[in-house]
Amino acid sequence: MISVKDQIKAMNSTLAGRKNAKEDATHLIRDEKDQAQQVLTVQDRKALYLLKCENCEYVIQGKPVKIFIENCKNIVIKIEDKVITGMVDIWKSENISLEFERSVSVFQLDNIKTIAIRLPTHEHFGSMVWTGVDDISLHFGDQTHNLSYSQLQTRLPDLRPEMDQFKTTFIEGLPRTEAVVRLENGYPATRSEEASFRELERKKDEVLRGQSEQDD
């Protein structure tokens, strides 16, 4: 029988292994201050994670699997290659400027003051789920689109800054921002997307019922 002491030791070893695996999968830049432009190479399949950095500028080479930016201020980043999953997550930050040369599928923004995102065209922009963000500027070539939570709050005074989310997409070259609802699978969607999802589910049910009747 394995003793309690050995069980605890084995559990701690497992947890340490998981922690090391997570660290190995992340290119972490932490607590950097006042750095002039740096060229950083991120190994493919590693996530780029900026934490508590201020007044820094980076050129990112390689193909990070994701990008995370937390609690940073006055940061300029240019990503020269693709983000493998196309996912960028930023929260609790201020004055962030991002430039991408390849498409980004999803931006997740939370509690940010001033952010600029640059992409070659609006077709390189997938969607953006955001809450509590003031002063968003989206730049596509010579086109600029501005969004902010305070603008929405003037039209919808009952908004809850810490809870209500919005999703911005581009339809025929123009931005559309709608409130987010959660589908049954937890995926964030807009009311129009929810209606499309339910219509698709209804059609699937009709097909399955038809097949069942044929089998009878």
C-alpha atoms as a PDB file:
ATOM      1  CA  MET A   1       0.000   0.000   0.000  1.00  0.00           C
ATOM      2  CA  ILE A   2       1.298   3.449  -0.893  1.00  0.00           C
ATOM      3  CA  SER A   3       1.699   5.708   2.120  1.00  0.00           C
ATOM      4  CA  VAL A   4      -0.037   9.079   2.363  1.00  0.00           C
ATOM      5  CA  LYS A   5       3.368  10.743   2.269  1.00  0.00           C
ATOM      6  CA  ASP A   6       4.243   9.006  -1.003  1.00  0.00           C
ATOM      7  CA  GLN A   7       0.829   9.862  -2.462  1.00  0.00           C
ATOM      8  CA  ILE A   8       1.352  13.554  -1.669  1.00  0.00           C
ATOM      9  CA  LYS A   9       4.860  13.413  -3.123  1.00  0.00           C
ATOM     10  CA  ALA A  10       3.535  11.844  -6.344  1.00  0.00           C
ATOM     11  CA  MET A  11       0.751  14.431  -6.587  1.00  0.00           C
ATOM     12  CA  ASN A  12       3.200  17.320  -6.118  1.00  0.00           C
ATOM     13  CA  SER A  13       5.460  15.822  -8.781  1.00  0.00           C
ATOM     14  CA  THR A  14       2.529  15.647 -11.216  1.00  0.00           C
ATOM     15  CA  LEU A  15       1.521  19.250 -10.530  1.00  0.00           C
ATOM     16  CA  ALA A  16       5.110  20.419 -10.990  1.00  0.00           C
ATOM     17  CA  GLY A  17       5.269  18.569 -14.292  1.00  0.00           C
ATOM     18  CA  ARG A  18       2.097  20.288 -15.472  1.00  0.00           C
ATOM     19  CA  LYS A  19       3.464  23.681 -14.439  1.00  0.00           C
ATOM     20  CA  ASN A  20       6.732  23.066 -16.298  1.00  0.00           C
ATOM     21  CA  ALA A  21       4.830  21.898 -19.392  1.00  0.00           C
ATOM     22  CA  LYS A  22       2.803  25.130 -19.338  1.00  0.00           C
ATOM     23  CA  GLU A  23       5.959  27.219 -18.947  1.00  0.00           C
ATOM     24  CA  ASP A  24       7.646  25.290 -21.771  1.00  0.00           C
ATOM     25  CA  ALA A  25       4.692  26.100 -24.016  1.00  0.00           C
ATOM     26  CA  THR A  26       4.919  29.853 -23.362  1.00  0.00           C
ATOM     27  CA  HIS A  27       7.348  32.572 -24.419  1.00  0.00           C
ATOM     28  CA  LEU A  28       6.949  34.871 -21.420  1.00  0.00           C
ATOM     29  CA  ILE A  29       8.074  38.512 -21.388  1.00  0.00           C
ATOM     30  CA  ARG A  30       7.582  39.911 -17.907  1.00  0.00           C
ATOM     31  CA  ASP A  31       8.246  43.193 -16.090  1.00  0.00           C
ATOM     32  CA  GLU A  32      10.202  44.827 -18.901  1.00  0.00           C
ATOM     33  CA  LYS A  33      10.359  48.628 -18.810  1.00  0.00           C
ATOM     34  CA  ASP A  34      11.480  51.300 -21.265  1.00  0.00           C
ATOM     35  CA  GLN A  35      12.772  48.990 -23.974  1.00  0.00           C
ATOM     36  CA  ALA A  36      13.540  50.337 -27.426  1.00  0.00           C
ATOM     37  CA  GLN A  37      12.482  48.235 -30.397  1.00  0.00           C
ATOM     38  CA  GLN A  38      13.441  44.614 -29.871  1.00  0.00           C
ATOM     39  CA  VAL A  39      13.252  41.813 -32.396  1.00  0.00           C
ATOM     40  CA  LEU A  40      12.005  38.660 -30.680  1.00  0.00           C
ATOM     41  CA  THR A  41      11.803  35.209 -32.224  1.00  0.00           C
ATOM     42  CA  VAL A  42       9.040  33.076 -30.792  1.00  0.00           C
ATOM     43  CA  GLN A  43       9.378  29.355 -31.364  1.00  0.00           C
ATOM     44  CA  ASP A  44       6.543  27.892 -33.400  1.00  0.00           C
ATOM     45  CA  ARG A  45       3.760  26.423 -31.275  1.00  0.00           C
ATOM     46  CA  LYS A  46       4.633  28.568 -28.268  1.00  0.00           C
ATOM     47  CA  ALA A  47       2.249  31.214 -26.978  1.00  0.00           C
ATOM     48  CA  LEU A  48       3.574  34.768 -26.628  1.00  0.00           C
ATOM     49  CA  TYR A  49       2.689  36.202 -23.215  1.00  0.00           C
ATOM     50  CA  LEU A  50       3.463  39.820 -22.223  1.00  0.00           C
ATOM     51  CA  LEU A  51       2.921  40.523 -18.528  1.00  0.00           C
ATOM     52  CA  LYS A  52       3.369  43.812 -16.653  1.00  0.00           C
ATOM     53  CA  CYS A  53       5.505  45.498 -19.318  1.00  0.00           C
ATOM     54  CA  GLU A  54       5.642  49.269 -19.878  1.00  0.00           C
ATOM     55  CA  ASN A  55       6.979  51.572 -22.587  1.00  0.00           C
ATOM     56  CA  CYS A  56       8.267  48.796 -24.829  1.00  0.00           C
ATOM     57  CA  GLU A  57       8.279  48.084 -28.558  1.00  0.00           C
ATOM     58  CA  TYR A  58       8.634  44.634 -30.098  1.00  0.00           C
ATOM     59  CA  VAL A  59       8.876  43.065 -33.536  1.00  0.00           C
ATOM     60  CA  ILE A  60       7.739  39.455 -33.288  1.00  0.00           C
ATOM     61  CA  GLN A  61       9.152  36.853 -35.665  1.00  0.00           C
ATOM     62  CA  GLY A  62       8.094  33.228 -35.782  1.00  0.00           C
ATOM     63  CA  LYS A  63       4.589  31.811 -35.487  1.00  0.00           C
ATOM     64  CA  PRO A  64       3.195  32.050 -31.944  1.00  0.00           C
ATOM     65  CA  VAL A  65       0.270  29.762 -31.285  1.00  0.00           C
ATOM     66  CA  LYS A  66      -1.591  32.570 -29.429  1.00  0.00           C
ATOM     67  CA  ILE A  67      -0.878  36.036 -28.049  1.00  0.00           C
ATOM     68  CA  PHE A  68      -1.685  37.122 -24.487  1.00  0.00           C
ATOM     69  CA  ILE A  69      -1.141  40.629 -23.115  1.00  0.00           C
ATOM     70  CA  GLU A  70      -1.928  41.290 -19.455  1.00  0.00           C
ATOM     71  CA  ASN A  71      -1.515  44.386 -17.331  1.00  0.00           C
ATOM     72  CA  CYS A  72       0.720  46.215 -19.803  1.00  0.00           C
ATOM     73  CA  LYS A  73       1.019  49.917 -20.666  1.00  0.00           C
ATOM     74  CA  ASN A  74       2.363  51.820 -23.679  1.00  0.00           C
ATOM     75  CA  ILE A  75       3.230  48.774 -25.779  1.00  0.00           C
ATOM     76  CA  VAL A  76       3.845  48.626 -29.543  1.00  0.00           C
ATOM     77  CA  ILE A  77       3.980  45.210 -31.207  1.00  0.00           C
ATOM     78  CA  LYS A  78       4.397  44.226 -34.846  1.00  0.00           C
ATOM     79  CA  ILE A  79       3.743  40.582 -35.683  1.00  0.00           C
ATOM     80  CA  GLU A  80       5.428  39.674 -38.949  1.00  0.00           C
ATOM     81  CA  ASP A  81       4.052  36.164 -39.409  1.00  0.00           C
ATOM     82  CA  LYS A  82       0.790  34.386 -38.627  1.00  0.00           C
ATOM     83  CA  VAL A  83      -0.648  33.627 -35.218  1.00  0.00           C
ATOM     84  CA  ILE A  84      -1.332  29.915 -35.613  1.00  0.00           C
ATOM     85  CA  THR A  85      -4.726  29.809 -33.882  1.00  0.00           C
ATOM     86  CA  GLY A  86      -5.530  33.384 -34.905  1.00  0.00           C
ATOM     87  CA  MET A  87      -6.376  34.238 -31.268  1.00  0.00           C
ATOM     88  CA  VAL A  88      -5.271  37.390 -29.422  1.00  0.00           C
ATOM     89  CA  ASP A  89      -6.317  37.971 -25.801  1.00  0.00           C
ATOM     90  CA  ILE A  90      -5.654  41.295 -24.020  1.00  0.00           C
ATOM     91  CA  TRP A  91      -6.859  42.476 -20.619  1.00  0.00           C
ATOM     92  CA  LYS A  92      -6.187  45.082 -17.917  1.00  0.00           C
ATOM     93  CA  SER A  93      -3.940  47.148 -20.177  1.00  0.00           C
ATOM     94  CA  GLU A  94      -3.544  50.700 -21.492  1.00  0.00           C
ATOM     95  CA  ASN A  95      -2.356  52.245 -24.748  1.00  0.00           C
ATOM     96  CA  ILE A  96      -1.645  49.122 -26.771  1.00  0.00           C
ATOM     97  CA  SER A  97      -0.741  49.242 -30.478  1.00  0.00           C
ATOM     98  CA  LEU A  98      -0.749  46.045 -32.545  1.00  0.00           C
ATOM     99  CA  GLU A  99       0.143  45.550 -36.198  1.00  0.00           C
ATOM    100  CA  PHE A 100      -0.451  42.277 -38.041  1.00  0.00           C
ATOM    101  CA  GLU A 101       0.533  41.274 -41.546  1.00  0.00           C
ATOM    102  CA  ARG A 102      -1.640  38.133 -41.511  1.00  0.00           C
ATOM    103  CA  SER A 103      -5.253  37.431 -40.583  1.00  0.00           C
ATOM    104  CA  VAL A 104      -6.465  37.282 -36.982  1.00  0.00           C
ATOM    105  CA  SER A 105      -9.563  35.205 -36.241  1.00  0.00           C
ATOM    106  CA  VAL A 106     -10.551  36.433 -32.776  1.00  0.00           C
ATOM    107  CA  PHE A 107      -9.591  39.361 -30.568  1.00  0.00           C
ATOM    108  CA  GLN A 108     -10.696  39.070 -26.932  1.00  0.00           C
ATOM    109  CA  LEU A 109     -10.443  42.460 -25.174  1.00  0.00           C
ATOM    110  CA  ASP A 110     -11.296  43.129 -21.546  1.00  0.00           C
ATOM    111  CA  ASN A 111     -10.814  46.250 -19.433  1.00  0.00           C
ATOM    112  CA  ILE A 112      -8.521  48.219 -21.729  1.00  0.00           C
ATOM    113  CA  LYS A 113      -7.982  51.947 -22.115  1.00  0.00           C
ATOM    114  CA  THR A 114      -6.940  52.816 -25.678  1.00  0.00           C
ATOM    115  CA  ILE A 115      -5.977  50.156 -28.192  1.00  0.00           C
ATOM    116  CA  ALA A 116      -5.091  50.407 -31.887  1.00  0.00           C
ATOM    117  CA  ILE A 117      -5.195  47.369 -34.171  1.00  0.00           C
ATOM    118  CA  ARG A 118      -3.742  47.463 -37.677  1.00  0.00           C
ATOM    119  CA  LEU A 119      -4.390  44.876 -40.392  1.00  0.00           C
ATOM    120  CA  PRO A 120      -3.891  45.021 -44.173  1.00  0.00           C
ATOM    121  CA  THR A 121      -7.664  44.934 -44.918  1.00  0.00           C
ATOM    122  CA  HIS A 122     -10.928  44.306 -43.084  1.00  0.00           C
ATOM    123  CA  GLU A 123     -10.921  40.840 -44.654  1.00  0.00           C
ATOM    124  CA  HIS A 124      -7.972  39.995 -42.383  1.00  0.00           C
ATOM    125  CA  PHE A 125     -10.194  40.749 -39.362  1.00  0.00           C
ATOM    126  CA  GLY A 126     -12.338  37.896 -38.038  1.00  0.00           C
ATOM    127  CA  SER A 127     -14.181  39.126 -34.969  1.00  0.00           C
ATOM    128  CA  MET A 128     -13.627  40.967 -31.699  1.00  0.00           C
ATOM    129  CA  VAL A 129     -15.347  40.149 -28.407  1.00  0.00           C
ATOM    130  CA  TRP A 130     -14.909  42.979 -25.933  1.00  0.00           C
ATOM    131  CA  THR A 131     -16.130  44.564 -22.717  1.00  0.00           C
ATOM    132  CA  GLY A 132     -15.111  47.609 -20.700  1.00  0.00           C
ATOM    133  CA  VAL A 133     -12.860  48.979 -23.451  1.00  0.00           C
ATOM    134  CA  ASP A 134     -12.596  52.674 -24.279  1.00  0.00           C
ATOM    135  CA  ASP A 135     -11.076  54.040 -27.459  1.00  0.00           C
ATOM    136  CA  ILE A 136     -10.680  51.181 -29.912  1.00  0.00           C
ATOM    137  CA  SER A 137      -9.317  52.113 -33.330  1.00  0.00           C
ATOM    138  CA  LEU A 138      -9.266  49.573 -36.153  1.00  0.00           C
ATOM    139  CA  HIS A 139      -7.003  50.476 -39.074  1.00  0.00           C
ATOM    140  CA  PHE A 140      -7.208  48.741 -42.451  1.00  0.00           C
ATOM    141  CA  GLY A 141      -4.887  50.432 -44.902  1.00  0.00           C
ATOM    142  CA  ASP A 142      -6.142  54.030 -45.114  1.00  0.00           C
ATOM    143  CA  GLN A 143      -9.478  53.198 -43.426  1.00  0.00           C
ATOM    144  CA  THR A 144     -10.059  53.762 -39.706  1.00  0.00           C
ATOM    145  CA  HIS A 145     -13.020  52.687 -37.583  1.00  0.00           C
ATOM    146  CA  ASN A 146     -13.439  53.854 -33.977  1.00  0.00           C
ATOM    147  CA  LEU A 147     -15.357  52.115 -31.187  1.00  0.00           C
ATOM    148  CA  SER A 148     -15.696  52.613 -27.447  1.00  0.00           C
ATOM    149  CA  TYR A 149     -17.720  51.332 -24.528  1.00  0.00           C
ATOM    150  CA  SER A 150     -18.662  54.874 -23.487  1.00  0.00           C
ATOM    151  CA  GLN A 151     -20.245  55.461 -26.915  1.00  0.00           C
ATOM    152  CA  LEU A 152     -22.437  52.415 -26.442  1.00  0.00           C
ATOM    153  CA  GLN A 153     -23.294  53.478 -22.905  1.00  0.00           C
ATOM    154  CA  THR A 154     -24.736  56.794 -24.111  1.00  0.00           C
ATOM    155  CA  ARG A 155     -27.245  54.785 -26.184  1.00  0.00           C
ATOM    156  CA  LEU A 156     -27.690  51.997 -23.632  1.00  0.00           C
ATOM    157  CA  PRO A 157     -27.358  53.536 -20.134  1.00  0.00           C
ATOM    158  CA  ASP A 158     -28.165  50.269 -18.351  1.00  0.00           C
ATOM    159  CA  LEU A 159     -24.992  48.563 -19.534  1.00  0.00           C
ATOM    160  CA  ARG A 160     -22.882  46.843 -16.884  1.00  0.00           C
ATOM    161  CA  PRO A 161     -19.200  47.551 -17.597  1.00  0.00           C
ATOM    162  CA  GLU A 162     -17.916  44.423 -15.844  1.00  0.00           C
ATOM    163  CA  MET A 163     -20.415  42.028 -17.395  1.00  0.00           C
ATOM    164  CA  ASP A 164     -21.878  43.076 -20.735  1.00  0.00           C
ATOM    165  CA  GLN A 165     -19.917  41.940 -23.772  1.00  0.00           C
ATOM    166  CA  PHE A 166     -20.080  42.959 -27.400  1.00  0.00           C
ATOM    167  CA  LYS A 167     -18.976  41.322 -30.602  1.00  0.00           C
ATOM    168  CA  THR A 168     -17.707  43.324 -33.574  1.00  0.00           C
ATOM    169  CA  THR A 169     -17.557  41.839 -37.049  1.00  0.00           C
ATOM    170  CA  PHE A 170     -17.400  43.301 -40.548  1.00  0.00           C
ATOM    171  CA  ILE A 171     -20.334  42.899 -42.909  1.00  0.00           C
ATOM    172  CA  GLU A 172     -19.768  44.093 -46.472  1.00  0.00           C
ATOM    173  CA  GLY A 173     -16.824  46.185 -45.321  1.00  0.00           C
ATOM    174  CA  LEU A 174     -18.633  47.932 -42.474  1.00  0.00           C
ATOM    175  CA  PRO A 175     -18.306  47.220 -38.725  1.00  0.00           C
ATOM    176  CA  ARG A 176     -21.266  45.721 -36.897  1.00  0.00           C
ATOM    177  CA  THR A 177     -21.266  45.672 -33.094  1.00  0.00           C
ATOM    178  CA  GLU A 178     -23.901  43.625 -31.272  1.00  0.00           C
ATOM    179  CA  ALA A 179     -24.488  42.434 -27.730  1.00  0.00           C
ATOM    180  CA  VAL A 180     -23.143  38.981 -26.940  1.00  0.00           C
ATOM    181  CA  VAL A 181     -25.290  36.077 -25.833  1.00  0.00           C
ATOM    182  CA  ARG A 182     -24.033  32.609 -24.993  1.00  0.00           C
ATOM    183  CA  LEU A 183     -25.155  29.690 -27.095  1.00  0.00           C
ATOM    184  CA  GLU A 184     -25.977  26.377 -25.466  1.00  0.00           C
ATOM    185  CA  ASN A 185     -22.402  25.238 -26.110  1.00  0.00           C
ATOM    186  CA  GLY A 186     -21.037  28.359 -24.353  1.00  0.00           C
ATOM    187  CA  TYR A 187     -19.809  29.966 -27.573  1.00  0.00           C
ATOM    188  CA  PRO A 188     -20.146  33.794 -27.617  1.00  0.00           C
ATOM    189  CA  ALA A 189     -22.510  34.923 -30.350  1.00  0.00           C
ATOM    190  CA  THR A 190     -24.793  37.803 -31.278  1.00  0.00           C
ATOM    191  CA  ARG A 191     -28.585  37.663 -31.452  1.00  0.00           C
ATOM    192  CA  SER A 192     -28.486  37.306 -35.223  1.00  0.00           C
ATOM    193  CA  GLU A 193     -25.928  34.486 -34.967  1.00  0.00           C
ATOM    194  CA  GLU A 194     -28.066  32.816 -32.290  1.00  0.00           C
ATOM    195  CA  ALA A 195     -31.075  32.925 -34.622  1.00  0.00           C
ATOM    196  CA  SER A 196     -29.008  31.374 -37.424  1.00  0.00           C
ATOM    197  CA  PHE A 197     -27.732  28.702 -35.043  1.00  0.00           C
ATOM    198  CA  ARG A 198     -31.252  27.799 -33.908  1.00  0.00           C
ATOM    199  CA  GLU A 199     -32.483  27.685 -37.504  1.00  0.00           C
ATOM    200  CA  LEU A 200     -29.632  25.333 -38.387  1.00  0.00           C
ATOM    201  CA  GLU A 201     -30.474  23.108 -35.412  1.00  0.00           C
ATOM    202  CA  ARG A 202     -34.130  23.079 -36.462  1.00  0.00           C
ATOM    203  CA  LYS A 203     -33.216  21.934 -39.975  1.00  0.00           C
ATOM    204  CA  LYS A 204     -30.971  19.210 -38.558  1.00  0.00           C
ATOM    205  CA  ASP A 205     -33.860  17.977 -36.402  1.00  0.00           C
ATOM    206  CA  GLU A 206     -36.143  17.891 -39.443  1.00  0.00           C
ATOM    207  CA  VAL A 207     -33.610  15.809 -41.372  1.00  0.00           C
ATOM    208  CA  LEU A 208     -33.212  13.384 -38.459  1.00  0.00           C
ATOM    209  CA  ARG A 209     -36.976  13.046 -38.050  1.00  0.00           C
ATOM    210  CA  GLY A 210     -37.319  12.350 -41.777  1.00  0.00           C
ATOM    211  CA  GLN A 211     -34.668   9.641 -41.602  1.00  0.00           C
ATOM    212  CA  SER A 212     -36.356   8.118 -38.546  1.00  0.00           C
ATOM    213  CA  GLU A 213     -39.728   7.986 -40.317  1.00  0.00           C
ATOM    214  CA  GLN A 214     -38.132   6.288 -43.338  1.00  0.00           C
ATOM    215  CA  ASP A 215     -36.582   3.672 -41.082  1.00  0.00           C
ATOM    216  CA  ASP A 216     -40.007   2.948 -39.588  1.00  0.00           C
END
